Amino acid sequence: MHFITLTIVFWLPPALKLIATVFCVVAASVVVERAGPVIGAMVVTLPVTMWPAYLFLFNDHDVSYLAASGQVGLAVNAASAPFMLLYLVLAQQRGPILSLVLAVAGWIAFAFVVRSYDCTLLGAGLLNLAVYPLCIALSMRFSNVRAQPVTRRWYELPLRTALVCALMGGVLVFSHLGGAGWAGMIAVYPISTTSTMLLLHTRIGGRASAAVIANGLWGLFGVGIGLFMMTLIAPRWGGAVGLAILLAVPVTWNLAVWFTRTRQFK
């Protein structure tokens, strides 16, 4: 009985972390189905997986670890821009599996190239500043396709749940086995965007799915700003302040993008 109690105590915190994160991601992805590409993309790119991942890292380690993983995460966040651009180009004529596999392969290649260099905080920030505006400019012509509502299939919510659990499990494992660099790299993998690609492409078509992803580039640019601010501020003002900024900046940025983009369409 004592062994069973210890086992439950050991596994309860990770289980609660996974449940909370899965709830956030599933709720966000369901909103996409009921909204246009702009607001759908802004919801999907909210830091509903990344922010809990960094919260868990800070809870298990210290502020130095948080800042180190945030710096790596900022550099690797740049890999999400060509990943999304590659997908939305492929999705115009290719099926969901081929488009997603090639795009994920591109993310892995770009992320490992970035990871091979010891980027400073300034260097990682400048990399995001160079990559995202370029990819956004190239993606704009794909961003205005409208999608028709479709009926949800029975396996979609379990699939989203499994994808998110895989990400959070990877963050928790790598935070202990791989160090701050690997944990930061895994934490910023765009799991919400990947699940959106896979699920929406099969239901509303490649072009409509690509429109959501094209608008999502704006959102992940805001995530990069949040990572930069957190990594800069956390060692000075504490991890709690840094994490608050990491959440507030992308949310504020996405609201501003949504307001600006919807006014453009009127």
Protein backbone atom coordinates (compact mmCIF):
# COMPACT_ATOMS: atom_id res chain seq x y z
CA MET A 1 0.00 0.00 0.00
CA HIS A 2 2.85 2.37 0.82
CA PHE A 3 4.43 1.64 -2.57
CA ILE A 4 1.15 2.38 -4.36
CA THR A 5 0.83 5.69 -2.48
CA LEU A 6 4.35 6.74 -3.43
CA THR A 7 3.70 5.81 -7.06
CA ILE A 8 0.54 7.92 -7.17
CA VAL A 9 2.32 10.90 -5.58
CA PHE A 10 5.17 10.58 -8.10
CA TRP A 11 2.96 10.46 -11.19
CA LEU A 12 0.22 12.89 -10.10
CA PRO A 13 2.03 16.20 -10.93
CA PRO A 14 2.99 15.12 -14.51
CA ALA A 15 -0.54 13.77 -15.03
CA LEU A 16 -2.07 17.08 -13.93
CA LYS A 17 0.31 18.96 -16.21
CA LEU A 18 -0.71 16.83 -19.19
CA ILE A 19 -4.43 17.14 -18.45
CA ALA A 20 -4.26 20.93 -18.14
CA THR A 21 -2.27 21.32 -21.34
CA VAL A 22 -4.41 18.89 -23.33
CA PHE A 23 -7.53 20.79 -22.28
CA CYS A 24 -6.05 24.09 -23.51
CA VAL A 25 -4.94 22.72 -26.87
CA VAL A 26 -8.13 20.80 -27.62
CA ALA A 27 -10.25 23.84 -26.74
CA ALA A 28 -8.14 26.07 -28.97
CA SER A 29 -8.23 23.69 -31.92
CA VAL A 30 -12.02 23.33 -31.71
CA VAL A 31 -12.38 27.12 -32.00
CA VAL A 32 -10.55 26.99 -35.34
CA GLU A 33 -13.40 24.97 -36.81
CA ARG A 34 -15.90 27.72 -36.02
CA ALA A 35 -13.86 30.73 -37.12
CA GLY A 36 -12.22 32.18 -40.21
CA PRO A 37 -8.54 31.73 -41.04
CA VAL A 38 -7.37 34.85 -39.19
CA ILE A 39 -8.99 34.30 -35.81
CA GLY A 40 -8.49 30.55 -36.14
CA ALA A 41 -4.76 31.05 -36.67
CA MET A 42 -4.52 33.48 -33.77
CA VAL A 43 -6.14 30.92 -31.45
CA VAL A 44 -3.97 28.03 -32.65
CA THR A 45 -0.75 30.01 -32.19
CA LEU A 46 -1.49 31.07 -28.63
CA PRO A 47 1.22 29.59 -26.35
CA VAL A 48 -1.09 26.92 -24.91
CA THR A 49 1.57 24.21 -25.12
CA MET A 50 4.77 26.24 -24.99
CA TRP A 51 3.86 28.29 -21.91
CA PRO A 52 2.91 25.30 -19.72
CA ALA A 53 6.09 23.57 -20.91
CA TYR A 54 8.26 26.44 -19.67
CA LEU A 55 6.20 26.68 -16.49
CA PHE A 56 6.94 23.02 -15.78
CA LEU A 57 10.63 23.53 -16.52
CA PHE A 58 10.79 26.43 -14.06
CA ASN A 59 8.88 24.42 -11.47
CA ASP A 60 11.35 21.53 -11.76
CA HIS A 61 14.55 23.61 -12.09
CA ASP A 62 15.60 27.24 -11.52
CA VAL A 63 15.56 30.59 -13.28
CA SER A 64 18.95 29.99 -14.93
CA TYR A 65 17.65 26.80 -16.49
CA LEU A 66 14.51 28.64 -17.62
CA ALA A 67 16.55 31.40 -19.27
CA ALA A 68 18.92 28.93 -20.96
CA SER A 69 16.07 26.85 -22.38
CA GLY A 70 14.27 30.05 -23.43
CA GLN A 71 17.31 31.22 -25.40
CA VAL A 72 17.54 27.91 -27.25
CA GLY A 73 13.77 27.95 -27.77
CA LEU A 74 13.95 31.43 -29.29
CA ALA A 75 16.58 30.31 -31.81
CA VAL A 76 14.67 27.14 -32.69
CA ASN A 77 11.39 29.09 -32.96
CA ALA A 78 12.81 30.47 -36.21
CA ALA A 79 12.51 26.94 -37.66
CA SER A 80 8.72 27.15 -37.45
CA ALA A 81 8.54 29.85 -40.13
CA PRO A 82 10.04 27.81 -43.03
CA PHE A 83 8.18 24.76 -41.66
CA MET A 84 4.85 26.55 -42.06
CA LEU A 85 5.79 28.11 -45.40
CA LEU A 86 6.83 24.73 -46.80
CA TYR A 87 3.56 23.15 -45.69
CA LEU A 88 1.29 25.81 -47.11
CA VAL A 89 3.06 25.66 -50.49
CA LEU A 90 2.86 21.85 -50.61
CA ALA A 91 -0.76 21.84 -49.42
CA GLN A 92 -1.94 23.67 -52.53
CA GLN A 93 -1.59 20.45 -54.57
CA ARG A 94 -0.41 17.65 -52.27
CA GLY A 95 -2.18 15.47 -49.75
CA PRO A 96 -2.02 15.91 -45.97
CA ILE A 97 0.45 13.14 -45.20
CA LEU A 98 3.05 14.09 -47.81
CA SER A 99 2.71 17.80 -47.05
CA LEU A 100 3.05 17.27 -43.32
CA VAL A 101 5.91 14.76 -43.48
CA LEU A 102 8.01 16.98 -45.74
CA ALA A 103 7.24 20.07 -43.65
CA VAL A 104 8.16 18.35 -40.38
CA ALA A 105 11.36 17.06 -41.99
CA GLY A 106 12.14 20.66 -42.91
CA TRP A 107 11.54 21.78 -39.32
CA ILE A 108 13.85 19.09 -37.96
CA ALA A 109 16.62 19.97 -40.43
CA PHE A 110 16.38 23.71 -39.79
CA ALA A 111 16.12 23.25 -36.02
CA PHE A 112 19.22 21.09 -35.87
CA VAL A 113 21.17 23.55 -38.01
CA VAL A 114 20.20 26.36 -35.64
CA ARG A 115 20.89 24.15 -32.63
CA SER A 116 24.40 23.40 -33.90
CA TYR A 117 25.36 27.05 -33.42
CA ASP A 118 25.69 28.62 -29.99
CA CYS A 119 23.40 31.58 -30.64
CA THR A 120 23.42 34.50 -28.25
CA LEU A 121 20.11 36.01 -27.18
CA LEU A 122 20.62 38.88 -29.60
CA GLY A 123 21.60 36.52 -32.41
CA ALA A 124 18.52 34.35 -31.82
CA GLY A 125 16.31 37.42 -31.81
CA LEU A 126 17.79 38.74 -35.05
CA LEU A 127 17.32 35.33 -36.66
CA ASN A 128 13.59 35.44 -35.90
CA LEU A 129 13.45 39.05 -37.10
CA ALA A 130 14.99 38.03 -40.43
CA VAL A 131 13.09 34.77 -41.05
CA TYR A 132 9.51 35.61 -40.05
CA PRO A 133 8.95 38.81 -42.09
CA LEU A 134 10.34 37.05 -45.17
CA CYS A 135 8.10 34.00 -44.75
CA ILE A 136 5.07 36.18 -43.93
CA ALA A 137 5.62 38.18 -47.14
CA LEU A 138 5.87 34.98 -49.19
CA SER A 139 2.74 33.49 -47.59
CA MET A 140 0.32 36.41 -47.92
CA ARG A 141 -1.17 35.27 -51.23
CA PHE A 142 -2.29 32.01 -49.58
CA SER A 143 -3.96 33.57 -46.54
CA ASN A 144 -7.50 34.52 -47.63
CA VAL A 145 -9.17 31.22 -48.56
CA ARG A 146 -12.51 30.59 -46.82
CA ALA A 147 -13.47 27.18 -45.45
CA GLN A 148 -16.91 25.58 -45.14
CA PRO A 149 -17.90 24.06 -41.76
CA VAL A 150 -17.64 20.26 -41.56
CA THR A 151 -18.70 17.59 -39.09
CA ARG A 152 -16.10 16.52 -36.56
CA ARG A 153 -14.98 12.89 -36.76
CA TRP A 154 -14.88 10.64 -33.72
CA TYR A 155 -11.12 10.11 -33.64
CA GLU A 156 -10.01 13.74 -33.89
CA LEU A 157 -10.09 14.78 -30.23
CA PRO A 158 -8.24 11.61 -29.10
CA LEU A 159 -5.65 12.26 -31.82
CA ARG A 160 -5.11 15.84 -30.67
CA THR A 161 -4.82 14.61 -27.11
CA ALA A 162 -2.19 12.04 -28.07
CA LEU A 163 -0.12 14.62 -29.97
CA VAL A 164 -0.10 17.03 -27.05
CA CYS A 165 0.71 14.30 -24.53
CA ALA A 166 3.66 13.26 -26.70
CA LEU A 167 5.02 16.83 -26.69
CA MET A 168 4.63 17.36 -22.96
CA GLY A 169 6.09 13.95 -22.18
CA GLY A 170 9.08 14.81 -24.36
CA VAL A 171 9.59 18.11 -22.55
CA LEU A 172 9.51 16.46 -19.14
CA VAL A 173 11.90 13.67 -20.18
CA PHE A 174 14.40 15.92 -21.99
CA SER A 175 14.40 18.44 -19.15
CA HIS A 176 15.97 15.76 -16.96
CA LEU A 177 17.96 13.72 -19.49
CA GLY A 178 18.92 16.16 -22.23
CA GLY A 179 19.45 19.44 -20.42
CA ALA A 180 18.09 22.92 -20.97
CA GLY A 181 18.95 23.01 -24.68
CA TRP A 182 16.99 19.94 -25.65
CA ALA A 183 14.08 20.87 -23.39
CA GLY A 184 13.91 24.34 -24.93
CA MET A 185 14.05 22.87 -28.42
CA ILE A 186 11.19 20.43 -27.79
CA ALA A 187 9.10 23.01 -25.92
CA VAL A 188 8.81 25.32 -28.95
CA TYR A 189 7.90 22.63 -31.47
CA PRO A 190 4.59 23.91 -32.94
CA ILE A 191 2.43 20.95 -31.92
CA SER A 192 -0.85 22.92 -32.16
CA THR A 193 0.04 23.98 -35.70
CA THR A 194 1.00 20.43 -36.65
CA SER A 195 -2.25 18.96 -35.36
CA THR A 196 -4.17 21.72 -37.17
CA MET A 197 -2.40 20.87 -40.43
CA LEU A 198 -3.18 17.18 -40.09
CA LEU A 199 -6.81 17.53 -39.06
CA LEU A 200 -7.97 20.50 -41.12
CA HIS A 201 -6.27 19.38 -44.33
CA THR A 202 -8.25 16.14 -44.36
CA ARG A 203 -11.52 17.91 -43.63
CA ILE A 204 -11.55 21.27 -45.41
CA GLY A 205 -8.86 20.77 -48.05
CA GLY A 206 -5.27 21.82 -48.44
CA ARG A 207 -5.85 25.40 -49.57
CA ALA A 208 -8.21 26.30 -46.74
CA SER A 209 -5.92 24.62 -44.21
CA ALA A 210 -2.95 26.49 -45.68
CA ALA A 211 -4.81 29.79 -45.19
CA VAL A 212 -4.97 29.15 -41.44
CA ILE A 213 -1.27 28.26 -41.37
CA ALA A 214 -0.31 31.34 -43.41
CA ASN A 215 -2.05 33.60 -40.91
CA GLY A 216 -0.45 31.62 -38.10
CA LEU A 217 3.00 32.88 -39.09
CA TRP A 218 2.05 36.19 -37.49
CA GLY A 219 1.20 34.41 -34.25
CA LEU A 220 4.48 32.52 -33.97
CA PHE A 221 6.39 35.72 -34.63
CA GLY A 222 4.71 37.04 -31.49
CA VAL A 223 5.80 33.89 -29.64
CA GLY A 224 9.38 34.73 -30.61
CA ILE A 225 8.99 38.21 -29.13
CA GLY A 226 7.66 36.68 -25.93
CA LEU A 227 10.59 34.25 -25.70
CA PHE A 228 13.07 37.07 -26.21
CA MET A 229 11.47 39.17 -23.47
CA MET A 230 11.24 36.24 -21.05
CA THR A 231 14.88 35.24 -21.54
CA LEU A 232 16.01 38.83 -21.10
CA ILE A 233 13.91 39.64 -18.05
CA ALA A 234 13.69 36.37 -16.06
CA PRO A 235 17.31 36.43 -14.72
CA ARG A 236 16.81 40.03 -13.54
CA TRP A 237 13.23 40.08 -12.24
CA GLY A 238 12.62 36.41 -11.53
CA GLY A 239 11.09 33.44 -13.29
CA ALA A 240 7.51 34.29 -12.33
CA VAL A 241 7.77 37.70 -14.01
CA GLY A 242 9.45 36.17 -17.04
CA LEU A 243 6.71 33.55 -17.42
CA ALA A 244 4.00 36.21 -17.05
CA ILE A 245 5.61 38.15 -19.89
CA LEU A 246 5.94 34.99 -21.99
CA LEU A 247 2.18 34.59 -21.75
CA ALA A 248 1.14 38.24 -22.00
CA VAL A 249 3.23 39.20 -25.04
CA PRO A 250 1.90 36.55 -27.50
CA VAL A 251 -1.69 37.06 -26.32
CA THR A 252 -1.46 40.84 -26.74
CA TRP A 253 0.34 40.45 -30.07
CA ASN A 254 -2.31 38.06 -31.43
CA LEU A 255 -5.13 40.38 -30.37
CA ALA A 256 -3.40 43.26 -32.15
CA VAL A 257 -2.85 41.17 -35.29
CA TRP A 258 -6.46 39.99 -35.27
CA PHE A 259 -7.77 43.55 -34.89
CA THR A 260 -5.50 44.87 -37.66
CA ARG A 261 -6.13 42.02 -40.09
CA THR A 262 -9.92 42.01 -39.68
CA ARG A 263 -10.03 45.77 -40.32
CA GLN A 264 -8.08 45.20 -43.54
CA PHE A 265 -10.72 42.75 -44.76
CA LYS A 266 -13.62 45.20 -44.21
